[in-house]
């Protein structure tokens, strides 16, 4: 058991656990002591967990997963940083080019997706959309900030991903995107479709094929759904509503102009936040019980984004500065 204790590398240590590595060695998480390996996961059978929520696990096996959406998140964060006035960094742009070069070779592969599924890799629609985001933000960075790169190739791959998603991730019978290629299940992560710019919030996409042209109805269908990650029968026993999904729902409604969201967002925060405004991962109802990690960074990020979006709706003059 002692061998599983993580440690901070010694000064000057140059083992593999201290190096960032090449793009194909990137992980979705690292240890607090800078480790890129050794994040072992093991179960503790003699602990019953909070309210008998077995299994109790130490570590996190997700460090070895492939999550294609992370590439889009990183590329978008760096693009937004440039727009926000953070000084340009050649090493940062070199990293982005390397990430896109690697992503170009793996974006067609199945992955574990945003929810870190343990049932095997699948062709998750949200993951493919975020791969599209990665190339889209690379293209925008190059054009808007005069950065050099194989932009023509990025344009081609971005178009390929868009066509692939609209062809395989869209259910023409139901008129909406689905969780994974060939699936009939919905997924709350698809509420992000208009927010990431993959398709406009209303009306047909000018760049999508015929199947993609119908995708505008997807947000309306999802906006009527309960904000669980997936259908409740597909979730682990006892899983509650994932709070971030509530804010994604609000963002989709804002983009669709579907009524006022301030009151509902305030209700969510009053139920799921403590006296200093920290929010939790989720809520189980009935009864109204807060569950999961606390505080939850994912929930806080979604809350901040929705508050920002609501401010722009209410103050269009100030919002114009950001366009």
C-alpha atoms as a PDB file:
ATOM      1  CA  UNK A   1       0.000   0.000   0.000  1.00  0.00           C
ATOM      2  CA  UNK A   2       2.851   2.359   0.775  1.00  0.00           C
ATOM      3  CA  UNK A   3       4.061   2.089  -2.821  1.00  0.00           C
ATOM      4  CA  UNK A   4       0.891   3.880  -3.911  1.00  0.00           C
ATOM      5  CA  UNK A   5       1.692   7.071  -2.010  1.00  0.00           C
ATOM      6  CA  UNK A   6       2.494   9.882  -4.433  1.00  0.00           C
ATOM      7  CA  UNK A   7       5.493  12.099  -3.825  1.00  0.00           C
ATOM      8  CA  UNK A   8       6.910  15.347  -5.165  1.00  0.00           C
ATOM      9  CA  UNK A   9       9.948  14.789  -7.413  1.00  0.00           C
ATOM     10  CA  UNK A  10      13.310  15.716  -5.943  1.00  0.00           C
ATOM     11  CA  UNK A  11      15.109  18.774  -7.248  1.00  0.00           C
ATOM     12  CA  UNK A  12      16.968  17.866 -10.417  1.00  0.00           C
ATOM     13  CA  UNK A  13      15.144  14.554 -10.822  1.00  0.00           C
ATOM     14  CA  UNK A  14      14.646  13.721 -14.501  1.00  0.00           C
ATOM     15  CA  UNK A  15      12.565  10.552 -14.443  1.00  0.00           C
ATOM     16  CA  UNK A  16       9.638  10.024 -16.806  1.00  0.00           C
ATOM     17  CA  UNK A  17       7.245  11.146 -14.074  1.00  0.00           C
ATOM     18  CA  UNK A  18       8.706  14.681 -14.267  1.00  0.00           C
ATOM     19  CA  UNK A  19       8.578  15.237 -18.021  1.00  0.00           C
ATOM     20  CA  UNK A  20       5.666  16.679 -19.951  1.00  0.00           C
ATOM     21  CA  UNK A  21       6.318  14.266 -22.805  1.00  0.00           C
ATOM     22  CA  UNK A  22       5.043  14.369 -26.376  1.00  0.00           C
ATOM     23  CA  UNK A  23       1.389  15.053 -27.290  1.00  0.00           C
ATOM     24  CA  UNK A  24       0.483  11.360 -27.383  1.00  0.00           C
ATOM     25  CA  UNK A  25       1.652  11.102 -23.753  1.00  0.00           C
ATOM     26  CA  UNK A  26      -0.619  13.862 -22.488  1.00  0.00           C
ATOM     27  CA  UNK A  27      -3.060  12.939 -19.739  1.00  0.00           C
ATOM     28  CA  UNK A  28      -6.301  14.547 -18.707  1.00  0.00           C
ATOM     29  CA  UNK A  29      -5.018  14.908 -15.138  1.00  0.00           C
ATOM     30  CA  UNK A  30      -1.785  14.893 -13.167  1.00  0.00           C
ATOM     31  CA  UNK A  31      -0.859  14.369  -9.541  1.00  0.00           C
ATOM     32  CA  UNK A  32      -0.498  17.246  -7.113  1.00  0.00           C
ATOM     33  CA  UNK A  33       3.225  16.445  -7.005  1.00  0.00           C
ATOM     34  CA  UNK A  34       3.550  16.929 -10.803  1.00  0.00           C
ATOM     35  CA  UNK A  35       3.290  13.198 -11.534  1.00  0.00           C
ATOM     36  CA  UNK A  36       2.224  12.137 -15.014  1.00  0.00           C
ATOM     37  CA  UNK A  37       2.208   8.519 -13.981  1.00  0.00           C
ATOM     38  CA  UNK A  38       1.509   6.547 -10.851  1.00  0.00           C
ATOM     39  CA  UNK A  39      -2.039   7.849 -10.337  1.00  0.00           C
ATOM     40  CA  UNK A  40      -3.100   4.342  -9.454  1.00  0.00           C
ATOM     41  CA  UNK A  41      -6.663   3.568  -8.516  1.00  0.00           C
ATOM     42  CA  UNK A  42      -7.535   0.922  -5.960  1.00  0.00           C
ATOM     43  CA  UNK A  43     -10.634   0.060  -3.972  1.00  0.00           C
ATOM     44  CA  UNK A  44     -10.857   0.113  -0.198  1.00  0.00           C
ATOM     45  CA  UNK A  45     -13.283  -2.720   0.640  1.00  0.00           C
ATOM     46  CA  UNK A  46     -13.258  -2.129   4.409  1.00  0.00           C
ATOM     47  CA  UNK A  47     -14.788   1.365   4.010  1.00  0.00           C
ATOM     48  CA  UNK A  48     -18.483   1.651   3.253  1.00  0.00           C
ATOM     49  CA  UNK A  49     -18.401   5.246   2.036  1.00  0.00           C
ATOM     50  CA  UNK A  50     -20.863   8.041   2.633  1.00  0.00           C
ATOM     51  CA  UNK A  51     -24.297   6.464   3.084  1.00  0.00           C
ATOM     52  CA  UNK A  52     -22.859   3.108   1.876  1.00  0.00           C
ATOM     53  CA  UNK A  53     -21.819   4.523  -1.479  1.00  0.00           C
ATOM     54  CA  UNK A  54     -19.431   1.683  -2.337  1.00  0.00           C
ATOM     55  CA  UNK A  55     -17.008   1.192  -3.946  1.00  0.00           C
ATOM     56  CA  UNK A  56     -14.658   3.574  -2.149  1.00  0.00           C
ATOM     57  CA  UNK A  57     -11.726   4.285  -4.458  1.00  0.00           C
ATOM     58  CA  UNK A  58      -8.331   5.869  -3.902  1.00  0.00           C
ATOM     59  CA  UNK A  59      -6.798   7.535  -6.944  1.00  0.00           C
ATOM     60  CA  UNK A  60      -8.464   7.969 -10.317  1.00  0.00           C
ATOM     61  CA  UNK A  61      -8.223   5.552 -13.240  1.00  0.00           C
ATOM     62  CA  UNK A  62      -9.362   8.297 -15.596  1.00  0.00           C
ATOM     63  CA  UNK A  63      -5.757   9.510 -15.842  1.00  0.00           C
ATOM     64  CA  UNK A  64      -5.231   6.793 -18.454  1.00  0.00           C
ATOM     65  CA  UNK A  65      -8.320   7.599 -20.500  1.00  0.00           C
ATOM     66  CA  UNK A  66      -8.549   9.238 -23.902  1.00  0.00           C
ATOM     67  CA  UNK A  67     -10.864  12.240 -23.789  1.00  0.00           C
ATOM     68  CA  UNK A  68     -10.878  14.051 -27.114  1.00  0.00           C
ATOM     69  CA  UNK A  69     -12.907  16.942 -25.709  1.00  0.00           C
ATOM     70  CA  UNK A  70      -9.878  18.073 -23.679  1.00  0.00           C
ATOM     71  CA  UNK A  71      -8.081  19.149 -26.868  1.00  0.00           C
ATOM     72  CA  UNK A  72     -10.924  21.521 -27.683  1.00  0.00           C
ATOM     73  CA  UNK A  73     -11.023  22.880 -24.149  1.00  0.00           C
ATOM     74  CA  UNK A  74      -7.292  23.664 -24.173  1.00  0.00           C
ATOM     75  CA  UNK A  75      -7.338  25.262 -27.627  1.00  0.00           C
ATOM     76  CA  UNK A  76     -10.374  27.375 -26.777  1.00  0.00           C
ATOM     77  CA  UNK A  77      -8.866  28.513 -23.461  1.00  0.00           C
ATOM     78  CA  UNK A  78      -5.673  29.671 -25.170  1.00  0.00           C
ATOM     79  CA  UNK A  79      -7.637  31.393 -27.942  1.00  0.00           C
ATOM     80  CA  UNK A  80      -9.781  33.236 -25.385  1.00  0.00           C
ATOM     81  CA  UNK A  81      -6.616  34.197 -23.508  1.00  0.00           C
ATOM     82  CA  UNK A  82      -5.269  35.882 -26.640  1.00  0.00           C
ATOM     83  CA  UNK A  83      -8.545  37.701 -27.162  1.00  0.00           C
ATOM     84  CA  UNK A  84      -8.389  38.833 -23.554  1.00  0.00           C
ATOM     85  CA  UNK A  85      -5.014  40.481 -24.100  1.00  0.00           C
ATOM     86  CA  UNK A  86      -2.610  37.962 -22.572  1.00  0.00           C
ATOM     87  CA  UNK A  87       0.763  38.469 -24.325  1.00  0.00           C
ATOM     88  CA  UNK A  88       1.626  36.083 -27.125  1.00  0.00           C
ATOM     89  CA  UNK A  89       3.969  33.209 -26.320  1.00  0.00           C
ATOM     90  CA  UNK A  90       5.808  31.286 -29.017  1.00  0.00           C
ATOM     91  CA  UNK A  91       6.117  28.162 -26.808  1.00  0.00           C
ATOM     92  CA  UNK A  92       2.344  28.237 -26.288  1.00  0.00           C
ATOM     93  CA  UNK A  93       1.710  28.405 -30.042  1.00  0.00           C
ATOM     94  CA  UNK A  94       4.242  25.625 -30.617  1.00  0.00           C
ATOM     95  CA  UNK A  95       2.329  23.514 -28.112  1.00  0.00           C
ATOM     96  CA  UNK A  96      -0.958  24.217 -29.887  1.00  0.00           C
ATOM     97  CA  UNK A  97       0.463  23.236 -33.260  1.00  0.00           C
ATOM     98  CA  UNK A  98       1.767  19.999 -31.744  1.00  0.00           C
ATOM     99  CA  UNK A  99      -1.604  19.255 -30.161  1.00  0.00           C
ATOM    100  CA  UNK A 100      -3.422  19.765 -33.456  1.00  0.00           C
ATOM    101  CA  UNK A 101      -0.912  17.626 -35.326  1.00  0.00           C
ATOM    102  CA  UNK A 102      -1.588  14.791 -32.885  1.00  0.00           C
ATOM    103  CA  UNK A 103      -5.346  15.348 -32.871  1.00  0.00           C
ATOM    104  CA  UNK A 104      -5.388  15.147 -36.671  1.00  0.00           C
ATOM    105  CA  UNK A 105      -4.287  11.516 -36.366  1.00  0.00           C
ATOM    106  CA  UNK A 106      -6.647  10.433 -33.569  1.00  0.00           C
ATOM    107  CA  UNK A 107      -9.910  12.394 -33.828  1.00  0.00           C
ATOM    108  CA  UNK A 108     -11.682   9.494 -35.529  1.00  0.00           C
ATOM    109  CA  UNK A 109     -10.906   7.152 -32.618  1.00  0.00           C
ATOM    110  CA  UNK A 110     -13.486   6.314 -29.926  1.00  0.00           C
ATOM    111  CA  UNK A 111     -12.840   7.712 -26.460  1.00  0.00           C
ATOM    112  CA  UNK A 112     -14.214   7.741 -22.904  1.00  0.00           C
ATOM    113  CA  UNK A 113     -15.736  11.192 -23.325  1.00  0.00           C
ATOM    114  CA  UNK A 114     -16.573  14.046 -20.991  1.00  0.00           C
ATOM    115  CA  UNK A 115     -18.268  11.756 -18.455  1.00  0.00           C
ATOM    116  CA  UNK A 116     -15.231   9.441 -18.173  1.00  0.00           C
ATOM    117  CA  UNK A 117     -17.244   6.284 -18.823  1.00  0.00           C
ATOM    118  CA  UNK A 118     -15.889   2.979 -17.579  1.00  0.00           C
ATOM    119  CA  UNK A 119     -17.807   0.774 -20.003  1.00  0.00           C
ATOM    120  CA  UNK A 120     -15.433   1.040 -22.940  1.00  0.00           C
ATOM    121  CA  UNK A 121     -14.679   3.673 -25.532  1.00  0.00           C
ATOM    122  CA  UNK A 122     -17.366   4.936 -27.909  1.00  0.00           C
ATOM    123  CA  UNK A 123     -17.728   7.481 -30.691  1.00  0.00           C
ATOM    124  CA  UNK A 124     -19.170  10.207 -28.481  1.00  0.00           C
ATOM    125  CA  UNK A 125     -20.749  13.063 -30.398  1.00  0.00           C
ATOM    126  CA  UNK A 126     -19.669  15.735 -27.909  1.00  0.00           C
ATOM    127  CA  UNK A 127     -16.059  14.534 -28.127  1.00  0.00           C
ATOM    128  CA  UNK A 128     -16.087  14.936 -31.913  1.00  0.00           C
ATOM    129  CA  UNK A 129     -17.623  18.391 -31.618  1.00  0.00           C
ATOM    130  CA  UNK A 130     -14.844  19.444 -29.271  1.00  0.00           C
ATOM    131  CA  UNK A 131     -12.252  18.085 -31.708  1.00  0.00           C
ATOM    132  CA  UNK A 132     -13.885  20.430 -34.219  1.00  0.00           C
ATOM    133  CA  UNK A 133     -13.516  23.241 -31.663  1.00  0.00           C
ATOM    134  CA  UNK A 134      -9.775  22.555 -31.388  1.00  0.00           C
ATOM    135  CA  UNK A 135      -9.168  23.074 -35.105  1.00  0.00           C
ATOM    136  CA  UNK A 136     -11.625  25.973 -35.276  1.00  0.00           C
ATOM    137  CA  UNK A 137      -9.784  27.859 -32.531  1.00  0.00           C
ATOM    138  CA  UNK A 138      -6.432  27.083 -34.135  1.00  0.00           C
ATOM    139  CA  UNK A 139      -7.676  28.592 -37.387  1.00  0.00           C
ATOM    140  CA  UNK A 140      -9.071  31.656 -35.613  1.00  0.00           C
ATOM    141  CA  UNK A 141      -5.827  32.177 -33.690  1.00  0.00           C
ATOM    142  CA  UNK A 142      -3.808  32.031 -36.895  1.00  0.00           C
ATOM    143  CA  UNK A 143      -6.070  34.436 -38.787  1.00  0.00           C
ATOM    144  CA  UNK A 144      -6.740  36.937 -36.007  1.00  0.00           C
ATOM    145  CA  UNK A 145      -3.244  37.113 -34.537  1.00  0.00           C
ATOM    146  CA  UNK A 146      -1.039  36.490 -37.557  1.00  0.00           C
ATOM    147  CA  UNK A 147       0.322  33.152 -36.317  1.00  0.00           C
ATOM    148  CA  UNK A 148       1.899  30.661 -38.693  1.00  0.00           C
ATOM    149  CA  UNK A 149       0.731  27.089 -39.141  1.00  0.00           C
ATOM    150  CA  UNK A 150      -0.725  24.574 -41.630  1.00  0.00           C
ATOM    151  CA  UNK A 151      -4.016  26.465 -41.717  1.00  0.00           C
ATOM    152  CA  UNK A 152      -5.170  24.912 -45.004  1.00  0.00           C
ATOM    153  CA  UNK A 153      -4.905  21.450 -43.458  1.00  0.00           C
ATOM    154  CA  UNK A 154      -6.785  22.632 -40.375  1.00  0.00           C
ATOM    155  CA  UNK A 155      -9.583  23.992 -42.559  1.00  0.00           C
ATOM    156  CA  UNK A 156      -9.861  20.628 -44.303  1.00  0.00           C
ATOM    157  CA  UNK A 157      -9.915  18.612 -41.070  1.00  0.00           C
ATOM    158  CA  UNK A 158     -12.397  20.973 -39.441  1.00  0.00           C
ATOM    159  CA  UNK A 159     -14.764  20.462 -42.382  1.00  0.00           C
ATOM    160  CA  UNK A 160     -14.263  16.684 -42.225  1.00  0.00           C
ATOM    161  CA  UNK A 161     -15.144  16.579 -38.537  1.00  0.00           C
ATOM    162  CA  UNK A 162     -18.205  18.767 -39.031  1.00  0.00           C
ATOM    163  CA  UNK A 163     -19.484  16.561 -41.827  1.00  0.00           C
ATOM    164  CA  UNK A 164     -18.735  13.404 -39.828  1.00  0.00           C
ATOM    165  CA  UNK A 165     -20.683  14.620 -36.788  1.00  0.00           C
ATOM    166  CA  UNK A 166     -23.681  15.800 -38.783  1.00  0.00           C
ATOM    167  CA  UNK A 167     -23.752  12.530 -40.706  1.00  0.00           C
ATOM    168  CA  UNK A 168     -23.232  10.092 -37.835  1.00  0.00           C
ATOM    169  CA  UNK A 169     -24.155  11.931 -34.630  1.00  0.00           C
ATOM    170  CA  UNK A 170     -27.520  13.274 -35.732  1.00  0.00           C
ATOM    171  CA  UNK A 171     -30.743  11.263 -35.567  1.00  0.00           C
ATOM    172  CA  UNK A 172     -32.841  12.324 -38.545  1.00  0.00           C
ATOM    173  CA  UNK A 173     -35.947  10.560 -37.226  1.00  0.00           C
ATOM    174  CA  UNK A 174     -35.927  12.323 -33.873  1.00  0.00           C
ATOM    175  CA  UNK A 175     -34.429  15.550 -35.180  1.00  0.00           C
ATOM    176  CA  UNK A 176     -31.601  15.898 -32.655  1.00  0.00           C
ATOM    177  CA  UNK A 177     -28.003  14.990 -31.932  1.00  0.00           C
ATOM    178  CA  UNK A 178     -27.461  11.810 -29.938  1.00  0.00           C
ATOM    179  CA  UNK A 179     -24.958  10.769 -27.301  1.00  0.00           C
ATOM    180  CA  UNK A 180     -22.821   8.601 -29.578  1.00  0.00           C
ATOM    181  CA  UNK A 181     -22.740   7.468 -33.187  1.00  0.00           C
ATOM    182  CA  UNK A 182     -25.480   4.890 -33.746  1.00  0.00           C
ATOM    183  CA  UNK A 183     -27.105   5.633 -30.372  1.00  0.00           C
ATOM    184  CA  UNK A 184     -30.645   6.793 -29.636  1.00  0.00           C
ATOM    185  CA  UNK A 185     -29.714   8.295 -26.267  1.00  0.00           C
ATOM    186  CA  UNK A 186     -29.628  12.013 -25.525  1.00  0.00           C
ATOM    187  CA  UNK A 187     -26.810  13.578 -23.524  1.00  0.00           C
ATOM    188  CA  UNK A 188     -26.765  16.875 -21.659  1.00  0.00           C
ATOM    189  CA  UNK A 189     -23.301  17.693 -23.021  1.00  0.00           C
ATOM    190  CA  UNK A 190     -25.006  18.331 -26.372  1.00  0.00           C
ATOM    191  CA  UNK A 191     -26.634  21.397 -24.844  1.00  0.00           C
ATOM    192  CA  UNK A 192     -23.240  23.001 -25.491  1.00  0.00           C
ATOM    193  CA  UNK A 193     -23.594  22.654 -29.274  1.00  0.00           C
ATOM    194  CA  UNK A 194     -24.562  26.306 -29.926  1.00  0.00           C
ATOM    195  CA  UNK A 195     -22.327  27.685 -27.157  1.00  0.00           C
ATOM    196  CA  UNK A 196     -19.168  26.239 -28.709  1.00  0.00           C
ATOM    197  CA  UNK A 197     -20.173  27.544 -32.150  1.00  0.00           C
ATOM    198  CA  UNK A 198     -20.584  24.168 -33.846  1.00  0.00           C
ATOM    199  CA  UNK A 199     -24.022  25.239 -35.150  1.00  0.00           C
ATOM    200  CA  UNK A 200     -26.013  28.448 -34.687  1.00  0.00           C
ATOM    201  CA  UNK A 201     -28.681  28.349 -31.962  1.00  0.00           C
ATOM    202  CA  UNK A 202     -31.509  28.730 -34.471  1.00  0.00           C
ATOM    203  CA  UNK A 203     -31.917  28.018 -38.144  1.00  0.00           C
ATOM    204  CA  UNK A 204     -29.977  25.674 -40.417  1.00  0.00           C
ATOM    205  CA  UNK A 205     -26.223  25.598 -40.577  1.00  0.00           C
ATOM    206  CA  UNK A 206     -24.837  27.041 -43.781  1.00  0.00           C
ATOM    207  CA  UNK A 207     -21.959  24.559 -43.802  1.00  0.00           C
ATOM    208  CA  UNK A 208     -23.678  21.346 -42.751  1.00  0.00           C
ATOM    209  CA  UNK A 209     -25.094  18.691 -45.038  1.00  0.00           C
ATOM    210  CA  UNK A 210     -28.785  17.899 -45.226  1.00  0.00           C
ATOM    211  CA  UNK A 211     -28.799  15.938 -41.969  1.00  0.00           C
ATOM    212  CA  UNK A 212     -27.005  18.785 -40.247  1.00  0.00           C
ATOM    213  CA  UNK A 213     -29.523  21.312 -41.583  1.00  0.00           C
ATOM    214  CA  UNK A 214     -32.128  19.829 -39.265  1.00  0.00           C
ATOM    215  CA  UNK A 215     -29.911  20.029 -36.225  1.00  0.00           C
ATOM    216  CA  UNK A 216     -31.385  23.339 -35.056  1.00  0.00           C
ATOM    217  CA  UNK A 217     -34.295  21.410 -33.558  1.00  0.00           C
ATOM    218  CA  UNK A 218     -31.925  19.576 -31.234  1.00  0.00           C
ATOM    219  CA  UNK A 219     -31.627  22.385 -28.724  1.00  0.00           C
ATOM    220  CA  UNK A 220     -35.388  22.787 -28.462  1.00  0.00           C
ATOM    221  CA  UNK A 221     -35.789  19.084 -27.779  1.00  0.00           C
ATOM    222  CA  UNK A 222     -33.058  19.077 -25.131  1.00  0.00           C
ATOM    223  CA  UNK A 223     -34.310  22.237 -23.465  1.00  0.00           C
ATOM    224  CA  UNK A 224     -37.413  20.305 -22.446  1.00  0.00           C
ATOM    225  CA  UNK A 225     -35.323  17.572 -20.801  1.00  0.00           C
ATOM    226  CA  UNK A 226     -34.529  17.112 -17.131  1.00  0.00           C
ATOM    227  CA  UNK A 227     -30.906  18.251 -16.649  1.00  0.00           C
ATOM    228  CA  UNK A 228     -29.395  14.889 -15.786  1.00  0.00           C
ATOM    229  CA  UNK A 229     -26.246  13.914 -17.639  1.00  0.00           C
ATOM    230  CA  UNK A 230     -28.138  11.161 -19.435  1.00  0.00           C
ATOM    231  CA  UNK A 231     -31.444   9.374 -19.073  1.00  0.00           C
ATOM    232  CA  UNK A 232     -31.795   8.331 -15.457  1.00  0.00           C
ATOM    233  CA  UNK A 233     -32.063   4.633 -16.290  1.00  0.00           C
ATOM    234  CA  UNK A 234     -28.581   4.853 -17.839  1.00  0.00           C
ATOM    235  CA  UNK A 235     -26.952   6.377 -14.755  1.00  0.00           C
ATOM    236  CA  UNK A 236     -25.453   4.565 -11.741  1.00  0.00           C
ATOM    237  CA  UNK A 237     -27.910   3.904  -8.877  1.00  0.00           C
ATOM    238  CA  UNK A 238     -28.384   6.954  -6.678  1.00  0.00           C
ATOM    239  CA  UNK A 239     -26.905   9.406  -9.176  1.00  0.00           C
ATOM    240  CA  UNK A 240     -28.550  12.808  -8.996  1.00  0.00           C
ATOM    241  CA  UNK A 241     -28.885  15.689 -11.421  1.00  0.00           C
ATOM    242  CA  UNK A 242     -25.491  17.074 -12.446  1.00  0.00           C
ATOM    243  CA  UNK A 243     -25.551  20.767 -11.565  1.00  0.00           C
ATOM    244  CA  UNK A 244     -23.416  21.954 -14.486  1.00  0.00           C
ATOM    245  CA  UNK A 245     -26.086  20.633 -16.854  1.00  0.00           C
ATOM    246  CA  UNK A 246     -28.603  23.076 -15.363  1.00  0.00           C
ATOM    247  CA  UNK A 247     -26.399  25.992 -16.354  1.00  0.00           C
ATOM    248  CA  UNK A 248     -25.793  24.530 -19.834  1.00  0.00           C
ATOM    249  CA  UNK A 249     -29.564  24.359 -20.173  1.00  0.00           C
ATOM    250  CA  UNK A 250     -29.827  28.001 -19.177  1.00  0.00           C
ATOM    251  CA  UNK A 251     -27.151  28.979 -21.719  1.00  0.00           C
ATOM    252  CA  UNK A 252     -29.000  27.143 -24.492  1.00  0.00           C
ATOM    253  CA  UNK A 253     -32.247  28.891 -23.562  1.00  0.00           C
ATOM    254  CA  UNK A 254     -30.505  32.276 -23.534  1.00  0.00           C
ATOM    255  CA  UNK A 255     -29.160  31.669 -27.039  1.00  0.00           C
ATOM    256  CA  UNK A 256     -32.605  30.555 -28.201  1.00  0.00           C
ATOM    257  CA  UNK A 257     -34.288  33.535 -26.571  1.00  0.00           C
ATOM    258  CA  UNK A 258     -36.455  31.068 -24.643  1.00  0.00           C
ATOM    259  CA  UNK A 259     -37.674  33.283 -21.827  1.00  0.00           C
ATOM    260  CA  UNK A 260     -36.058  34.699 -18.724  1.00  0.00           C
ATOM    261  CA  UNK A 261     -33.581  32.450 -16.932  1.00  0.00           C
ATOM    262  CA  UNK A 262     -32.490  34.618 -14.011  1.00  0.00           C
ATOM    263  CA  UNK A 263     -35.151  33.345 -11.629  1.00  0.00           C
ATOM    264  CA  UNK A 264     -34.494  29.680 -12.365  1.00  0.00           C
ATOM    265  CA  UNK A 265     -30.716  30.149 -12.055  1.00  0.00           C
ATOM    266  CA  UNK A 266     -31.200  31.947  -8.744  1.00  0.00           C
ATOM    267  CA  UNK A 267     -33.337  29.032  -7.553  1.00  0.00           C
ATOM    268  CA  UNK A 268     -30.628  26.550  -8.477  1.00  0.00           C
ATOM    269  CA  UNK A 269     -27.995  28.549  -6.608  1.00  0.00           C
ATOM    270  CA  UNK A 270     -30.184  28.973  -3.529  1.00  0.00           C
ATOM    271  CA  UNK A 271     -30.706  25.209  -3.336  1.00  0.00           C
ATOM    272  CA  UNK A 272     -27.197  24.057  -4.263  1.00  0.00           C
ATOM    273  CA  UNK A 273     -24.938  26.732  -2.737  1.00  0.00           C
ATOM    274  CA  UNK A 274     -23.842  27.309   0.833  1.00  0.00           C
ATOM    275  CA  UNK A 275     -23.703  30.602   2.692  1.00  0.00           C
ATOM    276  CA  UNK A 276     -20.518  31.741   0.879  1.00  0.00           C
ATOM    277  CA  UNK A 277     -21.705  30.745  -2.577  1.00  0.00           C
ATOM    278  CA  UNK A 278     -19.825  27.460  -3.021  1.00  0.00           C
ATOM    279  CA  UNK A 279     -21.768  24.959  -5.084  1.00  0.00           C
ATOM    280  CA  UNK A 280     -21.751  21.186  -5.174  1.00  0.00           C
ATOM    281  CA  UNK A 281     -21.631  18.614  -7.943  1.00  0.00           C
ATOM    282  CA  UNK A 282     -25.298  17.651  -7.971  1.00  0.00           C
ATOM    283  CA  UNK A 283     -28.623  17.192  -6.257  1.00  0.00           C
ATOM    284  CA  UNK A 284     -30.815  14.179  -5.676  1.00  0.00           C
ATOM    285  CA  UNK A 285     -34.552  14.719  -5.700  1.00  0.00           C
ATOM    286  CA  UNK A 286     -36.654  13.529  -4.005  1.00  0.00           C
ATOM    287  CA  UNK A 287     -35.611  14.323  -1.372  1.00  0.00           C
ATOM    288  CA  UNK A 288     -33.623  17.452  -2.092  1.00  0.00           C
ATOM    289  CA  UNK A 289     -30.180  16.211  -1.071  1.00  0.00           C
ATOM    290  CA  UNK A 290     -26.852  17.690  -2.118  1.00  0.00           C
ATOM    291  CA  UNK A 291     -24.503  14.972  -3.369  1.00  0.00           C
ATOM    292  CA  UNK A 292     -21.041  14.622  -4.842  1.00  0.00           C
ATOM    293  CA  UNK A 293     -17.819  16.610  -4.677  1.00  0.00           C
ATOM    294  CA  UNK A 294     -17.942  19.888  -2.768  1.00  0.00           C
ATOM    295  CA  UNK A 295     -16.999  22.444  -3.842  1.00  0.00           C
ATOM    296  CA  UNK A 296     -17.138  21.360  -7.485  1.00  0.00           C
ATOM    297  CA  UNK A 297     -15.021  23.353  -9.956  1.00  0.00           C
ATOM    298  CA  UNK A 298     -17.066  22.123 -12.931  1.00  0.00           C
ATOM    299  CA  UNK A 299     -20.254  23.544 -11.396  1.00  0.00           C
ATOM    300  CA  UNK A 300     -18.554  26.861 -10.556  1.00  0.00           C
ATOM    301  CA  UNK A 301     -17.212  27.307 -14.094  1.00  0.00           C
ATOM    302  CA  UNK A 302     -20.676  26.700 -15.532  1.00  0.00           C
ATOM    303  CA  UNK A 303     -22.224  29.112 -13.044  1.00  0.00           C
ATOM    304  CA  UNK A 304     -19.749  31.874 -13.942  1.00  0.00           C
ATOM    305  CA  UNK A 305     -20.339  31.351 -17.671  1.00  0.00           C
ATOM    306  CA  UNK A 306     -24.114  31.527 -17.274  1.00  0.00           C
ATOM    307  CA  UNK A 307     -23.899  34.640 -15.091  1.00  0.00           C
ATOM    308  CA  UNK A 308     -21.701  36.217 -17.778  1.00  0.00           C
ATOM    309  CA  UNK A 309     -24.209  35.297 -20.490  1.00  0.00           C
ATOM    310  CA  UNK A 310     -27.152  36.637 -18.510  1.00  0.00           C
ATOM    311  CA  UNK A 311     -25.320  39.911 -17.949  1.00  0.00           C
ATOM    312  CA  UNK A 312     -24.869  40.285 -21.695  1.00  0.00           C
ATOM    313  CA  UNK A 313     -28.554  39.635 -22.293  1.00  0.00           C
ATOM    314  CA  UNK A 314     -29.563  42.310 -19.804  1.00  0.00           C
ATOM    315  CA  UNK A 315     -26.845  44.822 -20.776  1.00  0.00           C
ATOM    316  CA  UNK A 316     -26.476  44.627 -24.570  1.00  0.00           C
ATOM    317  CA  UNK A 317     -24.382  47.801 -24.796  1.00  0.00           C
ATOM    318  CA  UNK A 318     -21.747  46.412 -22.459  1.00  0.00           C
ATOM    319  CA  UNK A 319     -21.984  43.031 -24.156  1.00  0.00           C
ATOM    320  CA  UNK A 320     -21.146  44.614 -27.504  1.00  0.00           C
ATOM    321  CA  UNK A 321     -17.617  45.293 -26.287  1.00  0.00           C
ATOM    322  CA  UNK A 322     -16.940  41.578 -26.255  1.00  0.00           C
ATOM    323  CA  UNK A 323     -18.086  40.818 -29.797  1.00  0.00           C
END
